[in-house]
Amino acid sequence: MKYNTPKELWNLYKELQEFNKKKQDQEKIGEVVFDLLCAHLKEKEIRYTVSYPDDMIRWIVGFDDHRNGELYYHQHGQDYMLNAMCYRLKENDNPLDYVRLSNVFNSLLFRGKVYYDGNRKELRFLQVVSMHELYWMPEMLPDRLFQHYNTADDVSLCANMMYSTGKDPFDVVADFMSQRSE
């Protein structure tokens, strides 16, 4: 049997106290994760707005000089919805082509989904993240946000390529994937 030194026992005691405090704070998990998201955005000097009473965090992003989007983060039950507006359809765009583009993208994604919002005439990317995951592993937050932003950027790039070239959605995504693998 191994005997622990007083210092090791003290460190174990402190870890247990921290764990018990975090477990008690779990009742306020929504507030904690919301504050965590806001703190991360402030740290990165990202200007965002919060709408009340739903606490939706929103900011406008520039994917490049010609492409803009909007990111929305909000709580939905025990999950956080990361939602991005990737492309707003132009007047002469055929919505069916963008529905097809979203289907092609969805076959490649392992997290989230791309969909066409017919009411707003936008191509959007939705990713669901567990609040428990962000609460117990806050170090995952930057990775989740970066993944969400990058995928939204990819969707925006393909939608803009499809608009400017007039190619079929499958061809646009295939070209994009072949350029990415080079």
Protein backbone atom coordinates (compact mmCIF):
# COMPACT_ATOMS: atom_id res chain seq x y z
CA MET A 1 0.00 0.00 0.00
CA LYS A 2 1.32 3.42 -0.99
CA TYR A 3 1.30 6.15 1.61
CA ASN A 4 0.68 9.67 0.40
CA THR A 5 2.73 12.55 1.71
CA PRO A 6 0.90 15.38 3.46
CA LYS A 7 1.52 17.62 0.43
CA GLU A 8 -0.05 15.07 -1.95
CA LEU A 9 -3.04 14.69 0.37
CA TRP A 10 -3.43 18.47 0.52
CA ASN A 11 -3.33 18.73 -3.29
CA LEU A 12 -5.93 15.96 -3.58
CA TYR A 13 -8.11 17.76 -1.05
CA LYS A 14 -7.87 21.04 -3.04
CA GLU A 15 -8.75 19.24 -6.30
CA LEU A 16 -11.75 17.63 -4.60
CA GLN A 17 -12.90 21.01 -3.28
CA GLU A 18 -12.62 22.57 -6.77
CA PHE A 19 -14.53 19.66 -8.29
CA ASN A 20 -17.31 19.93 -5.69
CA LYS A 21 -17.57 23.71 -6.26
CA LYS A 22 -17.79 23.22 -10.01
CA LYS A 23 -20.43 20.53 -9.53
CA GLN A 24 -22.50 22.93 -7.41
CA ASP A 25 -22.09 25.66 -10.05
CA GLN A 26 -23.48 23.25 -12.63
CA GLU A 27 -26.97 24.48 -11.70
CA LYS A 28 -26.00 27.78 -13.37
CA ILE A 29 -24.43 26.08 -16.39
CA GLY A 30 -26.14 28.36 -18.93
CA GLU A 31 -24.82 31.51 -17.28
CA VAL A 32 -21.32 30.07 -16.90
CA VAL A 33 -21.07 29.00 -20.56
CA PHE A 34 -22.53 32.34 -21.73
CA ASP A 35 -19.92 34.20 -19.66
CA LEU A 36 -17.22 31.89 -21.01
CA LEU A 37 -18.23 32.68 -24.62
CA CYS A 38 -18.33 36.43 -23.96
CA ALA A 39 -14.94 36.35 -22.20
CA HIS A 40 -13.39 34.47 -25.12
CA LEU A 41 -14.76 36.99 -27.64
CA LYS A 42 -13.54 39.93 -25.55
CA GLU A 43 -10.11 38.34 -25.25
CA LYS A 44 -9.93 38.02 -29.06
CA GLU A 45 -11.16 41.64 -29.36
CA ILE A 46 -14.21 40.62 -31.37
CA ARG A 47 -17.01 43.19 -31.35
CA TYR A 48 -20.31 41.44 -30.77
CA THR A 49 -23.83 42.27 -29.66
CA VAL A 50 -26.09 40.43 -27.26
CA SER A 51 -29.84 40.46 -27.69
CA TYR A 52 -32.06 40.00 -24.66
CA PRO A 53 -34.01 38.14 -23.30
CA ASP A 54 -32.69 35.18 -25.31
CA ASP A 55 -28.98 36.07 -24.78
CA MET A 56 -28.14 35.56 -28.44
CA ILE A 57 -24.56 36.54 -29.22
CA ARG A 58 -24.15 37.92 -32.75
CA TRP A 59 -21.34 39.40 -34.79
CA ILE A 60 -20.53 40.13 -38.41
CA VAL A 61 -17.47 38.47 -39.92
CA GLY A 62 -15.56 39.18 -43.07
CA PHE A 63 -14.47 35.93 -44.66
CA ASP A 64 -12.44 37.95 -47.17
CA ASP A 65 -12.67 41.33 -48.94
CA HIS A 66 -15.85 40.40 -50.83
CA ARG A 67 -17.60 37.88 -48.60
CA ASN A 68 -19.32 38.67 -45.30
CA GLY A 69 -21.34 36.55 -42.93
CA GLU A 70 -22.97 36.63 -39.53
CA LEU A 71 -22.41 34.29 -36.62
CA TYR A 72 -25.07 33.63 -33.99
CA TYR A 73 -24.58 31.73 -30.74
CA HIS A 74 -27.47 30.97 -28.39
CA GLN A 75 -28.61 28.46 -25.81
CA HIS A 76 -31.21 25.89 -26.76
CA GLY A 77 -32.03 23.54 -23.87
CA GLN A 78 -28.81 21.81 -22.78
CA ASP A 79 -26.96 22.73 -25.98
CA TYR A 80 -25.44 25.77 -27.58
CA MET A 81 -26.42 26.45 -31.18
CA LEU A 82 -23.63 27.84 -33.33
CA ASN A 83 -25.41 29.23 -36.38
CA ALA A 84 -23.79 31.08 -39.28
CA MET A 85 -25.28 32.96 -42.20
CA CYS A 86 -22.83 32.00 -44.95
CA TYR A 87 -24.45 33.38 -48.11
CA ARG A 88 -27.41 35.60 -48.88
CA LEU A 89 -28.98 34.72 -52.24
CA LYS A 90 -28.97 37.30 -54.99
CA GLU A 91 -32.06 38.08 -57.06
CA ASN A 92 -31.19 35.81 -59.99
CA ASP A 93 -30.05 32.85 -57.82
CA ASN A 94 -32.00 29.62 -58.07
CA PRO A 95 -32.78 28.44 -54.51
CA LEU A 96 -32.84 24.81 -55.64
CA ASP A 97 -29.13 25.01 -56.54
CA TYR A 98 -28.33 26.13 -53.00
CA VAL A 99 -30.43 23.35 -51.51
CA ARG A 100 -28.38 20.94 -53.63
CA LEU A 101 -25.15 22.63 -52.48
CA SER A 102 -26.20 22.16 -48.85
CA ASN A 103 -26.93 18.47 -49.50
CA VAL A 104 -23.49 17.97 -51.05
CA PHE A 105 -21.82 19.72 -48.11
CA ASN A 106 -23.82 17.71 -45.57
CA SER A 107 -22.54 14.48 -47.08
CA LEU A 108 -18.98 15.67 -46.31
CA LEU A 109 -19.54 17.02 -42.79
CA PHE A 110 -19.31 14.94 -39.65
CA ARG A 111 -20.51 17.76 -37.38
CA GLY A 112 -23.27 20.21 -38.08
CA LYS A 113 -25.44 20.76 -41.08
CA VAL A 114 -25.75 23.21 -43.94
CA TYR A 115 -29.28 24.27 -44.84
CA TYR A 116 -31.15 26.75 -46.98
CA ASP A 117 -33.42 29.10 -45.03
CA GLY A 118 -36.21 29.90 -47.49
CA ASN A 119 -37.76 32.67 -45.37
CA ARG A 120 -34.57 34.71 -45.29
CA LYS A 121 -33.14 33.39 -48.59
CA GLU A 122 -29.85 32.47 -46.92
CA LEU A 123 -27.50 29.53 -46.86
CA ARG A 124 -26.71 28.72 -43.23
CA PHE A 125 -24.46 26.38 -41.26
CA LEU A 126 -25.67 25.05 -37.91
CA GLN A 127 -23.55 23.22 -35.37
CA VAL A 128 -24.74 22.02 -31.97
CA VAL A 129 -22.32 21.94 -29.04
CA SER A 130 -23.14 20.45 -25.67
CA MET A 131 -23.08 22.98 -22.83
CA HIS A 132 -21.74 20.23 -20.57
CA GLU A 133 -18.78 19.78 -22.92
CA LEU A 134 -17.99 23.51 -22.78
CA TYR A 135 -18.57 23.62 -19.03
CA TRP A 136 -16.32 20.69 -18.10
CA MET A 137 -13.74 21.27 -20.83
CA PRO A 138 -13.57 25.05 -21.43
CA GLU A 139 -10.33 24.58 -23.34
CA MET A 140 -12.45 23.11 -26.18
CA LEU A 141 -14.26 26.43 -26.79
CA PRO A 142 -11.66 28.04 -29.09
CA ASP A 143 -11.48 24.87 -31.20
CA ARG A 144 -15.26 24.64 -31.56
CA LEU A 145 -15.57 28.30 -32.53
CA PHE A 146 -12.66 28.01 -34.98
CA GLN A 147 -14.18 24.88 -36.58
CA HIS A 148 -17.53 26.62 -36.92
CA TYR A 149 -16.00 29.74 -38.48
CA ASN A 150 -13.85 27.72 -40.93
CA THR A 151 -16.74 25.57 -42.12
CA ALA A 152 -18.94 28.66 -42.56
CA ASP A 153 -16.11 30.24 -44.56
CA ASP A 154 -15.86 27.13 -46.78
CA VAL A 155 -19.62 27.13 -47.41
CA SER A 156 -19.52 30.84 -48.22
CA LEU A 157 -16.61 30.36 -50.62
CA CYS A 158 -18.36 27.52 -52.47
CA ALA A 159 -21.66 29.43 -52.69
CA ASN A 160 -19.89 32.47 -54.09
CA MET A 161 -17.95 30.30 -56.56
CA MET A 162 -21.19 28.71 -57.67
CA TYR A 163 -22.75 32.15 -58.17
CA SER A 164 -19.79 33.56 -60.11
CA THR A 165 -19.07 30.50 -62.29
CA GLY A 166 -22.58 29.11 -62.78
CA LYS A 167 -21.27 25.57 -62.16
CA ASP A 168 -23.25 22.68 -60.74
CA PRO A 169 -23.10 22.46 -56.91
CA PHE A 170 -21.42 19.05 -57.00
CA ASP A 171 -18.70 20.35 -59.37
CA VAL A 172 -18.08 23.40 -57.19
CA VAL A 173 -17.60 21.30 -54.05
CA ALA A 174 -15.48 18.74 -55.93
CA ASP A 175 -13.22 21.53 -57.24
CA PHE A 176 -13.02 23.03 -53.76
CA MET A 177 -12.07 19.68 -52.19
CA SER A 178 -9.44 18.96 -54.85
CA GLN A 179 -7.88 22.41 -54.31
CA ARG A 180 -7.90 21.81 -50.56
CA SER A 181 -6.09 18.47 -50.86
CA GLU A 182 -3.30 19.91 -53.03
